[in-house]
N, C-alpha and C. Protein backbone atom coordinates (compact mmCIF):
# COMPACT_ATOMS: atom_id res chain seq x y z
N UNK A 1 146.43 110.27 88.57
CA UNK A 1 145.56 110.95 89.50
C UNK A 1 146.12 110.72 90.91
N UNK A 2 146.23 111.79 91.65
CA UNK A 2 146.80 111.69 92.99
C UNK A 2 145.77 111.09 93.95
N UNK A 3 146.25 110.71 95.11
CA UNK A 3 145.40 110.12 96.14
C UNK A 3 144.27 111.09 96.54
N UNK A 4 144.61 112.36 96.66
CA UNK A 4 143.60 113.36 97.02
C UNK A 4 142.54 113.50 95.93
N UNK A 5 142.97 113.46 94.69
CA UNK A 5 142.01 113.57 93.58
C UNK A 5 141.08 112.35 93.54
N UNK A 6 141.64 111.18 93.84
CA UNK A 6 140.82 109.96 93.86
C UNK A 6 139.79 110.02 94.99
N UNK A 7 140.25 110.48 96.15
CA UNK A 7 139.33 110.60 97.29
C UNK A 7 138.24 111.62 96.99
N UNK A 8 138.64 112.74 96.37
CA UNK A 8 137.67 113.77 96.00
C UNK A 8 136.65 113.23 95.00
N UNK A 9 137.10 112.48 94.02
CA UNK A 9 136.20 111.90 93.02
C UNK A 9 135.24 110.92 93.68
N UNK A 10 135.75 110.13 94.61
CA UNK A 10 134.90 109.17 95.31
C UNK A 10 133.85 109.90 96.15
N UNK A 11 134.27 110.96 96.82
CA UNK A 11 133.33 111.74 97.61
C UNK A 11 132.27 112.41 96.74
N UNK A 12 132.68 112.91 95.61
CA UNK A 12 131.73 113.55 94.69
C UNK A 12 130.72 112.52 94.17
N UNK A 13 131.18 111.30 93.91
CA UNK A 13 130.28 110.24 93.45
C UNK A 13 129.28 109.89 94.57
N UNK A 14 129.78 109.82 95.80
CA UNK A 14 128.91 109.53 96.94
C UNK A 14 127.88 110.63 97.12
N UNK A 15 128.29 111.87 97.02
CA UNK A 15 127.37 113.00 97.15
C UNK A 15 126.31 112.94 96.04
N UNK A 16 126.72 112.62 94.83
CA UNK A 16 125.77 112.52 93.72
C UNK A 16 124.73 111.42 93.98
N UNK A 17 125.18 110.29 94.53
CA UNK A 17 124.25 109.21 94.87
C UNK A 17 123.27 109.67 95.95
N UNK A 18 123.79 110.37 96.95
CA UNK A 18 122.93 110.86 98.03
C UNK A 18 121.91 111.87 97.53
N UNK A 19 122.32 112.73 96.62
CA UNK A 19 121.41 113.71 96.03
C UNK A 19 120.29 112.99 95.28
N UNK A 20 120.65 111.94 94.53
CA UNK A 20 119.64 111.17 93.79
C UNK A 20 118.69 110.47 94.76
N UNK A 21 119.23 109.91 95.83
CA UNK A 21 118.40 109.25 96.84
C UNK A 21 117.45 110.24 97.49
N UNK A 22 117.95 111.40 97.83
CA UNK A 22 117.10 112.43 98.45
C UNK A 22 115.99 112.86 97.50
N UNK A 23 116.30 113.00 96.22
CA UNK A 23 115.28 113.38 95.23
C UNK A 23 114.20 112.31 95.16
N UNK A 24 114.59 111.04 95.20
CA UNK A 24 113.62 109.95 95.19
C UNK A 24 112.76 109.99 96.45
N UNK A 25 113.39 110.26 97.58
CA UNK A 25 112.65 110.31 98.84
C UNK A 25 111.67 111.48 98.86
N UNK A 26 112.06 112.60 98.30
CA UNK A 26 111.16 113.76 98.22
C UNK A 26 109.93 113.41 97.39
N UNK A 27 110.14 112.72 96.27
CA UNK A 27 109.02 112.31 95.42
C UNK A 27 108.12 111.31 96.15
N UNK A 28 108.73 110.38 96.86
CA UNK A 28 107.96 109.39 97.62
C UNK A 28 107.13 110.08 98.70
N UNK A 29 107.74 111.00 99.41
CA UNK A 29 107.03 111.73 100.47
C UNK A 29 105.85 112.51 99.89
N UNK A 30 106.04 113.12 98.74
CA UNK A 30 104.95 113.87 98.10
C UNK A 30 103.79 112.95 97.75
N UNK A 31 104.11 111.76 97.21
CA UNK A 31 103.04 110.79 96.90
C UNK A 31 102.35 110.34 98.18
N UNK A 32 103.11 110.08 99.22
CA UNK A 32 102.52 109.64 100.49
C UNK A 32 101.64 110.72 101.10
N UNK A 33 102.07 111.97 101.01
CA UNK A 33 101.24 113.07 101.53
C UNK A 33 99.92 113.15 100.79
N UNK A 34 99.96 112.95 99.47
CA UNK A 34 98.73 112.97 98.68
C UNK A 34 97.82 111.81 99.07
N UNK A 35 98.41 110.64 99.27
CA UNK A 35 97.63 109.47 99.68
C UNK A 35 97.02 109.69 101.06
N UNK A 36 97.78 110.23 101.97
CA UNK A 36 97.28 110.50 103.32
C UNK A 36 96.11 111.48 103.27
N UNK A 37 96.24 112.53 102.48
CA UNK A 37 95.16 113.51 102.36
C UNK A 37 93.89 112.85 101.82
N UNK A 38 94.04 112.00 100.82
CA UNK A 38 92.90 111.30 100.25
C UNK A 38 92.25 110.38 101.28
N UNK A 39 93.08 109.66 102.02
CA UNK A 39 92.56 108.74 103.04
C UNK A 39 91.91 109.48 104.19
N UNK A 40 92.47 110.61 104.59
CA UNK A 40 91.86 111.40 105.66
C UNK A 40 90.48 111.89 105.25
N UNK A 41 90.37 112.32 103.99
CA UNK A 41 89.07 112.78 103.48
C UNK A 41 88.07 111.62 103.48
N UNK A 42 88.53 110.45 103.09
CA UNK A 42 87.65 109.28 103.06
C UNK A 42 87.20 108.89 104.47
N UNK A 43 88.09 108.96 105.44
CA UNK A 43 87.73 108.65 106.83
C UNK A 43 86.64 109.60 107.31
N UNK A 44 86.78 110.88 107.01
CA UNK A 44 85.76 111.86 107.42
C UNK A 44 84.42 111.51 106.77
N UNK A 45 84.45 111.16 105.48
CA UNK A 45 83.21 110.79 104.79
C UNK A 45 82.58 109.57 105.44
N UNK A 46 83.38 108.56 105.74
CA UNK A 46 82.85 107.33 106.33
C UNK A 46 82.34 107.56 107.75
N UNK A 47 83.06 108.38 108.52
CA UNK A 47 82.60 108.67 109.89
C UNK A 47 81.29 109.44 109.85
N UNK A 48 81.14 110.35 108.90
CA UNK A 48 79.89 111.10 108.75
C UNK A 48 78.77 110.15 108.37
N UNK A 49 79.05 109.27 107.42
CA UNK A 49 78.04 108.32 106.98
C UNK A 49 77.66 107.36 108.10
N UNK A 50 78.62 106.97 108.91
CA UNK A 50 78.37 106.06 110.02
C UNK A 50 77.41 106.68 111.03
N UNK A 51 77.49 107.98 111.20
CA UNK A 51 76.64 108.67 112.16
C UNK A 51 75.25 108.99 111.64
N UNK A 52 74.95 108.63 110.41
CA UNK A 52 73.65 108.95 109.85
C UNK A 52 72.61 107.89 110.20
N UNK A 53 71.40 108.36 110.46
CA UNK A 53 70.26 107.47 110.61
C UNK A 53 69.04 108.19 110.08
N UNK A 54 67.88 107.65 110.29
CA UNK A 54 66.68 108.25 109.72
C UNK A 54 66.35 109.62 110.31
N UNK A 55 66.91 109.93 111.48
CA UNK A 55 66.59 111.21 112.11
C UNK A 55 67.43 112.36 111.54
N UNK A 56 68.56 112.06 110.91
CA UNK A 56 69.41 113.14 110.40
C UNK A 56 69.80 112.97 108.94
N UNK A 57 69.03 112.15 108.21
CA UNK A 57 69.30 111.96 106.79
C UNK A 57 68.02 111.55 106.09
N UNK A 58 68.13 111.28 104.82
CA UNK A 58 66.95 110.84 104.07
C UNK A 58 66.82 109.32 104.09
N UNK A 59 67.57 108.65 104.95
CA UNK A 59 67.49 107.20 105.05
C UNK A 59 66.17 106.79 105.69
N UNK A 60 65.60 105.66 105.26
CA UNK A 60 64.36 105.19 105.90
C UNK A 60 64.67 104.61 107.28
N UNK A 61 63.69 104.62 108.18
CA UNK A 61 63.92 104.09 109.53
C UNK A 61 64.39 102.64 109.55
N UNK A 62 64.02 101.87 108.53
CA UNK A 62 64.43 100.46 108.51
C UNK A 62 65.95 100.30 108.40
N UNK A 63 66.66 101.36 108.01
CA UNK A 63 68.12 101.27 107.90
C UNK A 63 68.82 101.65 109.19
N UNK A 64 68.05 102.13 110.19
CA UNK A 64 68.67 102.49 111.47
C UNK A 64 69.23 101.24 112.12
N UNK A 65 70.37 101.42 112.75
CA UNK A 65 70.97 100.29 113.47
C UNK A 65 70.29 100.15 114.82
N UNK A 66 70.02 98.94 115.19
CA UNK A 66 69.40 98.68 116.48
C UNK A 66 70.44 98.78 117.58
N UNK A 67 69.99 99.10 118.78
CA UNK A 67 70.89 99.27 119.93
C UNK A 67 71.63 97.98 120.23
N UNK A 68 70.90 96.86 120.24
CA UNK A 68 71.50 95.57 120.59
C UNK A 68 71.62 94.67 119.37
N UNK A 69 71.83 95.24 118.21
CA UNK A 69 71.86 94.43 116.99
C UNK A 69 72.97 93.40 117.02
N UNK A 70 74.10 93.73 117.63
CA UNK A 70 75.22 92.79 117.68
C UNK A 70 74.84 91.58 118.53
N UNK A 71 74.22 91.82 119.66
CA UNK A 71 73.82 90.73 120.56
C UNK A 71 72.74 89.88 119.90
N UNK A 72 71.75 90.53 119.30
CA UNK A 72 70.65 89.80 118.67
C UNK A 72 71.12 89.06 117.43
N UNK A 73 72.10 89.56 116.76
CA UNK A 73 72.60 88.91 115.55
C UNK A 73 73.24 87.57 115.88
N UNK A 74 73.80 87.45 117.07
CA UNK A 74 74.43 86.20 117.46
C UNK A 74 73.40 85.13 117.79
N UNK A 75 72.24 85.53 118.26
CA UNK A 75 71.21 84.57 118.65
C UNK A 75 70.31 84.26 117.46
N UNK A 76 69.95 83.03 117.36
CA UNK A 76 68.99 82.65 116.35
C UNK A 76 67.59 82.89 116.86
N UNK A 77 66.58 82.78 115.99
CA UNK A 77 65.20 83.00 116.41
C UNK A 77 64.77 81.95 117.42
N UNK A 78 65.27 80.74 117.26
CA UNK A 78 64.90 79.68 118.19
C UNK A 78 65.41 79.99 119.59
N UNK A 79 66.66 80.46 119.70
CA UNK A 79 67.22 80.82 121.01
C UNK A 79 66.41 81.94 121.65
N UNK A 80 66.04 82.93 120.85
CA UNK A 80 65.28 84.06 121.38
C UNK A 80 63.91 83.59 121.87
N UNK A 81 63.28 82.67 121.14
CA UNK A 81 61.97 82.15 121.53
C UNK A 81 62.09 81.36 122.83
N UNK A 82 63.16 80.60 122.98
CA UNK A 82 63.37 79.83 124.20
C UNK A 82 63.66 80.73 125.39
N UNK A 83 64.33 81.85 125.14
CA UNK A 83 64.71 82.76 126.21
C UNK A 83 63.53 83.58 126.71
N UNK A 84 62.57 83.86 125.85
CA UNK A 84 61.44 84.71 126.21
C UNK A 84 60.66 84.15 127.41
N UNK A 85 60.30 82.86 127.46
CA UNK A 85 59.57 82.36 128.64
C UNK A 85 60.41 82.45 129.92
N UNK A 86 61.73 82.25 129.80
CA UNK A 86 62.58 82.35 130.98
C UNK A 86 62.57 83.76 131.53
N UNK A 87 62.57 84.73 130.65
CA UNK A 87 62.54 86.13 131.10
C UNK A 87 61.23 86.44 131.80
N UNK A 88 60.11 85.92 131.28
CA UNK A 88 58.81 86.17 131.88
C UNK A 88 58.70 85.53 133.25
N UNK A 89 59.20 84.31 133.37
CA UNK A 89 59.09 83.61 134.65
C UNK A 89 60.04 84.18 135.70
N UNK A 90 61.11 84.81 135.29
CA UNK A 90 62.06 85.41 136.22
C UNK A 90 61.52 86.72 136.80
N UNK A 91 60.53 87.32 136.17
CA UNK A 91 60.00 88.61 136.63
C UNK A 91 59.12 88.46 137.82
């Protein structure tokens, strides 16, 4: 086999490897696109659910989130009871 034939064979082998790699990448991209579509749909569902309360769904009012629920959740009942007289005397 001449030098040119060897180089040609090597190039053909490289091209075949690249074609196989590209085919794998195409399949991976297709799976990722499907996953992204599923996740986007789930995000929309969760965002819609997050915006629901008793005024726009069949949820009972007790499931509505309070305005300051994060702040109140950090305080215990004892802290809140101690703070109440301070608020009254400051007024």
